[in-house]
Amino acid sequence: MYTAHLDHHGICAPGQPDPICNGAIDDATGIAEMLEIARGFVALRDRARTVVFIATTGEERGLRGAQWFAHHPTIPPAQIVAIWFARVGVPSATLWQGFTDAAGSKSRGEAAFREFRKNRYHQPGDGWSATYDWEGAAQMARTQLLIGVSLLDGPPPQWKPGAPFKRRARN
């Protein structure tokens, strides 16, 4: 199961020339990556497991959509092999892009991340730009697709002994 959120803050800077928080990086890239992963799975016709994609809302206000689905799943929890719902006992993973560039330097990537968080995160400046280098997002989507492919026919992931969110009993 893959999830991404598609909500954002809407009008977040009333009275400004551009008052809308578009959420191009924080939100839209996650949805775009999820759609590309779905496209990859469509090409894999024979698989033992079903892959589910969920776009949630209310995430910017406390993960409301994800929490709702986690506590009211439309699929029996025992049938969910893996996702982002560790708190209800489902093995989960959240991946983040690193900062190291092809030359092995982290400074440019770290500086870009700090600039985004300070000046554009949840602000009108989080808009799309033709100058963005999307290769990192493409690599992340490929990695997430490959992780999912590894779960199609193989054994489900297992919790480490003593893991805090280990499923107590399968429903």
N, C-alpha and C. Protein backbone atom coordinates (compact mmCIF):
# COMPACT_ATOMS: atom_id res chain seq x y z
N MET A 1 0.85 -1.17 0.00
CA MET A 1 0.00 0.00 0.00
C MET A 1 0.90 1.23 0.00
N TYR A 2 0.58 2.18 -0.87
CA TYR A 2 1.31 3.44 -0.95
C TYR A 2 0.36 4.58 -0.61
N THR A 3 0.87 5.57 0.09
CA THR A 3 0.05 6.75 0.38
C THR A 3 0.84 8.01 0.07
N ALA A 4 0.10 9.06 -0.18
CA ALA A 4 0.65 10.41 -0.32
C ALA A 4 -0.50 11.35 0.02
N HIS A 5 -0.18 12.58 0.39
CA HIS A 5 -1.26 13.50 0.70
C HIS A 5 -1.34 14.60 -0.35
N LEU A 6 -2.59 15.04 -0.58
CA LEU A 6 -2.82 16.00 -1.65
C LEU A 6 -3.44 17.29 -1.18
N ASP A 7 -3.54 17.45 0.11
CA ASP A 7 -4.09 18.70 0.62
C ASP A 7 -2.98 19.71 0.85
N HIS A 8 -3.35 20.92 1.03
CA HIS A 8 -2.37 21.91 1.46
C HIS A 8 -3.11 23.01 2.20
N HIS A 9 -2.46 24.10 2.44
CA HIS A 9 -3.01 25.13 3.29
C HIS A 9 -3.95 26.10 2.57
N GLY A 10 -4.01 26.04 1.25
CA GLY A 10 -4.89 26.97 0.54
C GLY A 10 -4.38 28.40 0.67
N ILE A 11 -5.27 29.31 1.00
CA ILE A 11 -4.89 30.72 1.18
C ILE A 11 -4.22 30.83 2.55
N CYS A 12 -2.92 31.06 2.54
CA CYS A 12 -2.17 31.09 3.79
C CYS A 12 -1.54 32.45 4.07
N ALA A 13 -1.61 33.35 3.12
CA ALA A 13 -1.03 34.68 3.31
C ALA A 13 -2.01 35.74 2.80
N PRO A 14 -3.17 35.87 3.49
CA PRO A 14 -4.17 36.84 3.03
C PRO A 14 -3.58 38.24 2.89
N GLY A 15 -3.99 38.90 1.84
CA GLY A 15 -3.53 40.27 1.60
C GLY A 15 -2.24 40.36 0.82
N GLN A 16 -1.55 39.26 0.60
CA GLN A 16 -0.32 39.27 -0.17
C GLN A 16 -0.64 39.16 -1.66
N PRO A 17 0.28 39.60 -2.55
CA PRO A 17 0.02 39.50 -3.99
C PRO A 17 -0.28 38.06 -4.44
N ASP A 18 0.41 37.08 -3.85
CA ASP A 18 0.14 35.66 -4.11
C ASP A 18 -0.14 35.01 -2.77
N PRO A 19 -1.39 34.91 -2.36
CA PRO A 19 -1.71 34.42 -1.02
C PRO A 19 -1.82 32.89 -0.91
N ILE A 20 -1.66 32.18 -2.03
CA ILE A 20 -1.94 30.75 -2.03
C ILE A 20 -0.69 29.92 -1.77
N CYS A 21 -0.80 29.00 -0.82
CA CYS A 21 0.25 27.99 -0.59
C CYS A 21 -0.04 26.84 -1.54
N ASN A 22 0.69 26.79 -2.63
CA ASN A 22 0.44 25.80 -3.68
C ASN A 22 0.84 24.39 -3.28
N GLY A 23 1.89 24.26 -2.52
CA GLY A 23 2.34 22.92 -2.11
C GLY A 23 2.96 22.13 -3.24
N ALA A 24 3.74 22.79 -4.09
CA ALA A 24 4.35 22.08 -5.23
C ALA A 24 5.35 21.02 -4.78
N ILE A 25 6.22 21.38 -3.85
CA ILE A 25 7.19 20.40 -3.35
C ILE A 25 6.55 19.57 -2.25
N ASP A 26 5.98 20.24 -1.25
CA ASP A 26 5.33 19.53 -0.15
C ASP A 26 3.88 19.29 -0.53
N ASP A 27 3.65 18.21 -1.10
CA ASP A 27 2.39 17.60 -1.46
C ASP A 27 2.43 17.10 -2.89
N ALA A 28 2.57 17.99 -3.85
CA ALA A 28 2.45 17.59 -5.25
C ALA A 28 3.51 16.58 -5.67
N THR A 29 4.74 16.73 -5.19
CA THR A 29 5.76 15.75 -5.59
C THR A 29 5.43 14.36 -5.06
N GLY A 30 4.89 14.28 -3.85
CA GLY A 30 4.52 12.97 -3.31
C GLY A 30 3.43 12.31 -4.13
N ILE A 31 2.43 13.09 -4.53
CA ILE A 31 1.35 12.57 -5.37
C ILE A 31 1.91 12.14 -6.73
N ALA A 32 2.77 12.97 -7.32
CA ALA A 32 3.36 12.64 -8.62
C ALA A 32 4.20 11.36 -8.53
N GLU A 33 4.99 11.23 -7.48
CA GLU A 33 5.78 10.01 -7.29
C GLU A 33 4.87 8.81 -7.14
N MET A 34 3.80 8.94 -6.37
CA MET A 34 2.88 7.82 -6.18
C MET A 34 2.23 7.42 -7.51
N LEU A 35 1.86 8.39 -8.33
CA LEU A 35 1.27 8.07 -9.63
C LEU A 35 2.27 7.37 -10.55
N GLU A 36 3.53 7.78 -10.50
CA GLU A 36 4.56 7.10 -11.30
C GLU A 36 4.81 5.68 -10.82
N ILE A 37 4.76 5.48 -9.50
CA ILE A 37 4.90 4.13 -8.95
C ILE A 37 3.73 3.27 -9.42
N ALA A 38 2.52 3.83 -9.39
CA ALA A 38 1.34 3.10 -9.87
C ALA A 38 1.51 2.71 -11.34
N ARG A 39 2.05 3.64 -12.14
CA ARG A 39 2.28 3.33 -13.56
C ARG A 39 3.26 2.15 -13.70
N GLY A 40 4.26 2.11 -12.84
CA GLY A 40 5.20 0.99 -12.87
C GLY A 40 4.54 -0.33 -12.54
N PHE A 41 3.64 -0.33 -11.57
CA PHE A 41 2.96 -1.57 -11.20
C PHE A 41 1.98 -2.03 -12.27
N VAL A 42 1.40 -1.11 -13.01
CA VAL A 42 0.48 -1.49 -14.09
C VAL A 42 1.21 -2.37 -15.11
N ALA A 43 2.49 -2.13 -15.31
CA ALA A 43 3.27 -2.91 -16.27
C ALA A 43 3.56 -4.33 -15.78
N LEU A 44 3.38 -4.58 -14.49
CA LEU A 44 3.63 -5.91 -13.91
C LEU A 44 2.30 -6.65 -13.82
N ARG A 45 2.00 -7.45 -14.80
CA ARG A 45 0.69 -8.09 -14.89
C ARG A 45 0.50 -9.22 -13.87
N ASP A 46 1.49 -10.07 -13.69
CA ASP A 46 1.35 -11.23 -12.81
C ASP A 46 1.95 -10.93 -11.45
N ARG A 47 1.09 -10.87 -10.46
CA ARG A 47 1.56 -10.62 -9.10
C ARG A 47 0.61 -11.30 -8.11
N ALA A 48 1.18 -11.79 -7.02
CA ALA A 48 0.39 -12.51 -6.03
C ALA A 48 -0.41 -11.56 -5.14
N ARG A 49 0.07 -10.34 -4.98
CA ARG A 49 -0.59 -9.39 -4.09
C ARG A 49 -1.13 -8.20 -4.86
N THR A 50 -2.15 -7.60 -4.30
CA THR A 50 -2.72 -6.37 -4.84
C THR A 50 -1.95 -5.19 -4.26
N VAL A 51 -1.77 -4.16 -5.06
CA VAL A 51 -1.12 -2.94 -4.60
C VAL A 51 -2.19 -1.86 -4.55
N VAL A 52 -2.29 -1.18 -3.41
CA VAL A 52 -3.31 -0.17 -3.19
C VAL A 52 -2.62 1.18 -3.07
N PHE A 53 -3.24 2.21 -3.66
CA PHE A 53 -2.72 3.58 -3.61
C PHE A 53 -3.79 4.46 -2.98
N ILE A 54 -3.38 5.24 -1.98
CA ILE A 54 -4.32 6.09 -1.26
C ILE A 54 -3.79 7.52 -1.23
N ALA A 55 -4.62 8.47 -1.65
CA ALA A 55 -4.28 9.89 -1.51
C ALA A 55 -5.13 10.42 -0.35
N THR A 56 -4.47 10.85 0.70
CA THR A 56 -5.18 11.31 1.89
C THR A 56 -5.23 12.83 1.95
N THR A 57 -6.13 13.32 2.77
CA THR A 57 -6.22 14.76 3.03
C THR A 57 -6.21 14.97 4.54
N GLY A 58 -6.15 16.21 4.94
CA GLY A 58 -6.11 16.52 6.36
C GLY A 58 -4.75 16.28 6.99
N GLU A 59 -3.75 16.02 6.17
CA GLU A 59 -2.42 15.69 6.71
C GLU A 59 -1.73 16.92 7.28
N GLU A 60 -1.92 18.06 6.67
CA GLU A 60 -1.29 19.28 7.16
C GLU A 60 -1.94 19.75 8.46
N ARG A 61 -3.00 19.12 8.85
CA ARG A 61 -3.70 19.46 10.09
C ARG A 61 -3.65 18.31 11.10
N GLY A 62 -2.57 17.53 11.06
CA GLY A 62 -2.40 16.47 12.05
C GLY A 62 -2.59 15.05 11.53
N LEU A 63 -2.25 14.80 10.28
CA LEU A 63 -2.33 13.46 9.70
C LEU A 63 -3.73 12.85 9.79
N ARG A 64 -4.74 13.68 9.67
CA ARG A 64 -6.11 13.23 9.89
C ARG A 64 -6.57 12.15 8.91
N GLY A 65 -6.26 12.31 7.63
CA GLY A 65 -6.69 11.32 6.65
C GLY A 65 -6.01 9.97 6.87
N ALA A 66 -4.72 9.99 7.11
CA ALA A 66 -3.98 8.75 7.34
C ALA A 66 -4.47 8.07 8.62
N GLN A 67 -4.68 8.85 9.66
CA GLN A 67 -5.16 8.27 10.92
C GLN A 67 -6.55 7.66 10.74
N TRP A 68 -7.40 8.35 9.99
CA TRP A 68 -8.75 7.81 9.76
C TRP A 68 -8.67 6.47 9.06
N PHE A 69 -7.91 6.38 7.99
CA PHE A 69 -7.81 5.12 7.27
C PHE A 69 -7.17 4.04 8.15
N ALA A 70 -6.14 4.40 8.91
CA ALA A 70 -5.47 3.42 9.77
C ALA A 70 -6.43 2.81 10.78
N HIS A 71 -7.37 3.61 11.27
CA HIS A 71 -8.31 3.12 12.28
C HIS A 71 -9.63 2.62 11.69
N HIS A 72 -9.87 2.89 10.40
CA HIS A 72 -11.09 2.44 9.72
C HIS A 72 -10.71 1.91 8.33
N PRO A 73 -9.84 0.93 8.24
CA PRO A 73 -9.38 0.46 6.93
C PRO A 73 -10.49 -0.20 6.13
N THR A 74 -10.42 -0.03 4.84
CA THR A 74 -11.37 -0.69 3.95
C THR A 74 -10.89 -2.07 3.55
N ILE A 75 -9.71 -2.42 4.03
CA ILE A 75 -9.10 -3.72 3.79
C ILE A 75 -8.82 -4.32 5.17
N PRO A 76 -9.10 -5.59 5.40
CA PRO A 76 -8.78 -6.16 6.71
C PRO A 76 -7.29 -5.97 7.04
N PRO A 77 -6.99 -5.44 8.22
CA PRO A 77 -5.59 -5.17 8.57
C PRO A 77 -4.65 -6.36 8.40
N ALA A 78 -5.15 -7.56 8.63
CA ALA A 78 -4.30 -8.75 8.47
C ALA A 78 -3.86 -8.95 7.03
N GLN A 79 -4.57 -8.35 6.09
CA GLN A 79 -4.22 -8.50 4.68
C GLN A 79 -3.28 -7.40 4.19
N ILE A 80 -3.01 -6.40 5.01
CA ILE A 80 -2.11 -5.32 4.61
C ILE A 80 -0.70 -5.74 4.99
N VAL A 81 0.14 -5.94 3.98
CA VAL A 81 1.50 -6.44 4.20
C VAL A 81 2.42 -5.32 4.67
N ALA A 82 2.33 -4.16 4.05
CA ALA A 82 3.22 -3.05 4.40
C ALA A 82 2.64 -1.75 3.87
N ILE A 83 2.97 -0.55 4.58
CA ILE A 83 2.56 0.80 4.24
C ILE A 83 3.40 1.77 5.10
N TRP A 84 2.67 3.11 5.81
CA TRP A 84 3.06 4.19 6.70
C TRP A 84 2.26 4.19 7.97
N PHE A 85 1.68 3.03 8.36
CA PHE A 85 0.77 2.94 9.49
C PHE A 85 1.35 2.09 10.61
N ALA A 86 2.56 2.36 10.99
CA ALA A 86 3.23 1.59 12.04
C ALA A 86 2.47 1.62 13.36
N ARG A 87 1.84 2.73 13.69
CA ARG A 87 1.17 2.85 14.99
C ARG A 87 0.01 1.89 15.17
N VAL A 88 -0.52 1.34 14.07
CA VAL A 88 -1.57 0.34 14.19
C VAL A 88 -1.05 -1.04 13.85
N GLY A 89 0.26 -1.19 13.85
CA GLY A 89 0.89 -2.50 13.72
C GLY A 89 1.24 -2.96 12.33
N VAL A 90 1.10 -2.12 11.32
CA VAL A 90 1.44 -2.50 9.94
C VAL A 90 2.87 -2.05 9.65
N PRO A 91 3.75 -2.97 9.23
CA PRO A 91 5.12 -2.55 8.89
C PRO A 91 5.10 -1.41 7.88
N SER A 92 5.88 -0.39 8.15
CA SER A 92 5.83 0.84 7.38
C SER A 92 7.22 1.37 7.11
N ALA A 93 7.32 2.17 6.07
CA ALA A 93 8.59 2.83 5.75
C ALA A 93 8.29 4.21 5.20
N THR A 94 9.11 5.15 5.58
CA THR A 94 9.08 6.48 5.00
C THR A 94 10.49 6.76 4.51
N LEU A 95 10.62 7.04 3.24
CA LEU A 95 11.94 7.30 2.66
C LEU A 95 12.13 8.79 2.44
N TRP A 96 13.34 9.25 2.64
CA TRP A 96 13.71 10.64 2.39
C TRP A 96 14.90 10.67 1.45
N GLN A 97 14.89 11.64 0.54
CA GLN A 97 16.03 11.83 -0.32
C GLN A 97 17.21 12.30 0.52
N GLY A 98 18.40 11.89 0.12
CA GLY A 98 19.60 12.35 0.80
C GLY A 98 20.06 13.68 0.23
N PHE A 99 21.17 14.16 0.73
CA PHE A 99 21.69 15.45 0.30
C PHE A 99 22.94 15.34 -0.54
N THR A 100 23.55 14.17 -0.62
CA THR A 100 24.83 14.02 -1.30
C THR A 100 24.65 14.08 -2.81
N ASP A 101 25.46 14.96 -3.46
CA ASP A 101 25.38 15.07 -4.91
C ASP A 101 26.34 14.07 -5.57
N ALA A 102 26.39 14.07 -6.89
CA ALA A 102 27.20 13.11 -7.63
C ALA A 102 28.69 13.22 -7.30
N ALA A 103 29.13 14.38 -6.88
CA ALA A 103 30.54 14.58 -6.53
C ALA A 103 30.84 14.19 -5.08
N GLY A 104 29.80 13.78 -4.33
CA GLY A 104 30.00 13.37 -2.95
C GLY A 104 29.84 14.47 -1.92
N SER A 105 29.42 15.65 -2.35
CA SER A 105 29.26 16.78 -1.44
C SER A 105 27.83 16.84 -0.92
N LYS A 106 27.69 17.15 0.35
CA LYS A 106 26.36 17.32 0.95
C LYS A 106 25.98 18.79 1.10
N SER A 107 26.93 19.69 0.96
CA SER A 107 26.67 21.09 1.30
C SER A 107 25.59 21.72 0.43
N ARG A 108 25.60 21.49 -0.87
CA ARG A 108 24.60 22.11 -1.75
C ARG A 108 23.19 21.59 -1.43
N GLY A 109 23.07 20.29 -1.26
CA GLY A 109 21.76 19.71 -0.95
C GLY A 109 21.23 20.13 0.40
N GLU A 110 22.10 20.16 1.40
CA GLU A 110 21.68 20.61 2.73
C GLU A 110 21.27 22.08 2.72
N ALA A 111 22.02 22.90 1.99
CA ALA A 111 21.70 24.33 1.90
C ALA A 111 20.35 24.53 1.21
N ALA A 112 20.09 23.77 0.16
CA ALA A 112 18.82 23.89 -0.56
C ALA A 112 17.65 23.47 0.34
N PHE A 113 17.85 22.40 1.11
CA PHE A 113 16.81 21.94 2.01
C PHE A 113 16.52 22.99 3.09
N ARG A 114 17.57 23.53 3.69
CA ARG A 114 17.40 24.56 4.72
C ARG A 114 16.70 25.80 4.15
N GLU A 115 17.07 26.19 2.94
CA GLU A 115 16.44 27.35 2.30
C GLU A 115 14.95 27.08 2.06
N PHE A 116 14.63 25.89 1.58
CA PHE A 116 13.23 25.55 1.33
C PHE A 116 12.43 25.58 2.63
N ARG A 117 12.94 24.93 3.67
CA ARG A 117 12.22 24.88 4.95
C ARG A 117 12.02 26.28 5.54
N LYS A 118 13.00 27.14 5.39
CA LYS A 118 12.92 28.47 5.98
C LYS A 118 12.04 29.43 5.16
N ASN A 119 12.16 29.38 3.83
CA ASN A 119 11.54 30.41 2.99
C ASN A 119 10.35 29.97 2.15
N ARG A 120 10.12 28.66 1.99
CA ARG A 120 9.05 28.25 1.09
C ARG A 120 8.10 27.19 1.67
N TYR A 121 8.56 26.42 2.63
CA TYR A 121 7.74 25.34 3.21
C TYR A 121 6.47 25.92 3.84
N HIS A 122 5.30 25.45 3.37
CA HIS A 122 4.00 25.92 3.83
C HIS A 122 3.83 27.42 3.64
N GLN A 123 4.41 27.92 2.55
CA GLN A 123 4.32 29.33 2.20
C GLN A 123 4.01 29.44 0.70
N PRO A 124 3.58 30.64 0.24
CA PRO A 124 3.28 30.80 -1.19
C PRO A 124 4.47 30.49 -2.10
N GLY A 125 5.69 30.59 -1.62
CA GLY A 125 6.86 30.31 -2.45
C GLY A 125 7.05 28.86 -2.84
N ASP A 126 6.22 27.95 -2.30
CA ASP A 126 6.32 26.54 -2.67
C ASP A 126 5.50 26.30 -3.93
N GLY A 127 5.99 26.88 -5.01
CA GLY A 127 5.34 26.76 -6.31
C GLY A 127 6.23 26.00 -7.28
N TRP A 128 5.65 25.57 -8.38
CA TRP A 128 6.40 24.83 -9.39
C TRP A 128 7.36 25.75 -10.12
N SER A 129 8.51 25.21 -10.49
CA SER A 129 9.49 25.96 -11.27
C SER A 129 10.12 25.05 -12.31
N ALA A 130 10.27 25.57 -13.51
CA ALA A 130 10.90 24.80 -14.59
C ALA A 130 12.38 24.55 -14.31
N THR A 131 12.95 25.27 -13.38
CA THR A 131 14.39 25.11 -13.09
C THR A 131 14.68 23.99 -12.10
N TYR A 132 13.66 23.38 -11.50
CA TYR A 132 13.90 22.30 -10.56
C TYR A 132 14.57 21.12 -11.24
N ASP A 133 15.45 20.46 -10.54
CA ASP A 133 16.06 19.22 -11.00
C ASP A 133 15.26 18.07 -10.37
N TRP A 134 14.50 17.37 -11.18
CA TRP A 134 13.60 16.35 -10.68
C TRP A 134 14.23 14.96 -10.63
N GLU A 135 15.51 14.84 -10.93
CA GLU A 135 16.13 13.52 -10.94
C GLU A 135 16.05 12.84 -9.58
N GLY A 136 16.22 13.58 -8.49
CA GLY A 136 16.13 12.99 -7.16
C GLY A 136 14.76 12.39 -6.90
N ALA A 137 13.71 13.09 -7.31
CA ALA A 137 12.34 12.57 -7.14
C ALA A 137 12.13 11.33 -8.00
N ALA A 138 12.68 11.34 -9.21
CA ALA A 138 12.56 10.17 -10.09
C ALA A 138 13.29 8.97 -9.48
N GLN A 139 14.47 9.19 -8.92
CA GLN A 139 15.20 8.10 -8.26
C GLN A 139 14.43 7.57 -7.06
N MET A 140 13.82 8.47 -6.30
CA MET A 140 13.04 8.05 -5.15
C MET A 140 11.84 7.20 -5.58
N ALA A 141 11.15 7.60 -6.63
CA ALA A 141 10.01 6.83 -7.11
C ALA A 141 10.46 5.45 -7.57
N ARG A 142 11.59 5.38 -8.27
CA ARG A 142 12.11 4.06 -8.71
C ARG A 142 12.45 3.19 -7.50
N THR A 143 13.06 3.77 -6.48
CA THR A 143 13.42 3.00 -5.28
C THR A 143 12.16 2.49 -4.59
N GLN A 144 11.16 3.34 -4.45
CA GLN A 144 9.92 2.91 -3.81
C GLN A 144 9.20 1.84 -4.62
N LEU A 145 9.25 1.95 -5.93
CA LEU A 145 8.67 0.91 -6.79
C LEU A 145 9.38 -0.42 -6.56
N LEU A 146 10.71 -0.40 -6.54
CA LEU A 146 11.46 -1.64 -6.35
C LEU A 146 11.21 -2.27 -4.99
N ILE A 147 11.05 -1.45 -3.96
CA ILE A 147 10.71 -2.00 -2.64
C ILE A 147 9.36 -2.71 -2.72
N GLY A 148 8.40 -2.08 -3.36
CA GLY A 148 7.09 -2.70 -3.51
C GLY A 148 7.14 -3.97 -4.33
N VAL A 149 7.92 -3.96 -5.40
CA VAL A 149 8.06 -5.16 -6.23
C VAL A 149 8.61 -6.32 -5.40
N SER A 150 9.54 -6.01 -4.49
CA SER A 150 10.12 -7.07 -3.66
C SER A 150 9.09 -7.69 -2.71
N LEU A 151 7.99 -6.98 -2.46
CA LEU A 151 6.95 -7.49 -1.57
C LEU A 151 5.80 -8.18 -2.30
N LEU A 152 5.82 -8.16 -3.64
CA LEU A 152 4.70 -8.72 -4.39
C LEU A 152 4.51 -10.21 -4.18
N ASP A 153 5.56 -10.96 -4.17
CA ASP A 153 5.46 -12.41 -4.07
C ASP A 153 6.20 -13.00 -2.89
N GLY A 154 7.10 -12.23 -2.31
CA GLY A 154 7.93 -12.75 -1.22
C GLY A 154 7.22 -12.71 0.11
N PRO A 155 7.94 -13.10 1.14
CA PRO A 155 7.35 -13.07 2.48
C PRO A 155 7.12 -11.63 2.93
N PRO A 156 6.10 -11.40 3.76
CA PRO A 156 5.87 -10.05 4.26
C PRO A 156 7.00 -9.62 5.19
N PRO A 157 7.23 -8.32 5.31
CA PRO A 157 8.27 -7.86 6.22
C PRO A 157 7.93 -8.24 7.66
N GLN A 158 8.94 -8.43 8.45
CA GLN A 158 8.77 -8.82 9.85
C GLN A 158 9.30 -7.73 10.76
N TRP A 159 8.65 -7.54 11.89
CA TRP A 159 9.11 -6.60 12.88
C TRP A 159 10.33 -7.17 13.59
N LYS A 160 11.22 -6.31 13.99
CA LYS A 160 12.34 -6.73 14.82
C LYS A 160 11.80 -7.04 16.22
N PRO A 161 12.44 -7.98 16.93
CA PRO A 161 11.98 -8.26 18.30
C PRO A 161 11.99 -6.98 19.14
N GLY A 162 10.92 -6.77 19.88
CA GLY A 162 10.83 -5.61 20.74
C GLY A 162 10.43 -4.32 20.04
N ALA A 163 10.10 -4.39 18.76
CA ALA A 163 9.70 -3.18 18.03
C ALA A 163 8.47 -2.58 18.70
N PRO A 164 8.44 -1.26 18.91
CA PRO A 164 7.34 -0.65 19.68
C PRO A 164 5.98 -0.75 19.02
N PHE A 165 5.92 -0.87 17.72
CA PHE A 165 4.62 -0.89 17.05
C PHE A 165 4.23 -2.28 16.54
N LYS A 166 4.94 -3.30 16.95
CA LYS A 166 4.68 -4.66 16.48
C LYS A 166 3.21 -5.01 16.68
N ARG A 167 2.62 -5.55 15.65
CA ARG A 167 1.20 -5.94 15.68
C ARG A 167 1.00 -7.01 16.74
N ARG A 168 0.07 -6.77 17.64
CA ARG A 168 -0.19 -7.71 18.73
C ARG A 168 -0.92 -8.94 18.22
N ALA A 169 -1.96 -8.71 17.47
CA ALA A 169 -2.75 -9.81 16.94
C ALA A 169 -3.25 -9.41 15.58
N ARG A 170 -3.22 -10.31 14.66
CA ARG A 170 -3.69 -10.00 13.30
C ARG A 170 -5.20 -10.21 13.24
N ASN A 171 -5.91 -9.23 12.70
CA ASN A 171 -7.37 -9.32 12.59
C ASN A 171 -7.75 -10.16 11.41
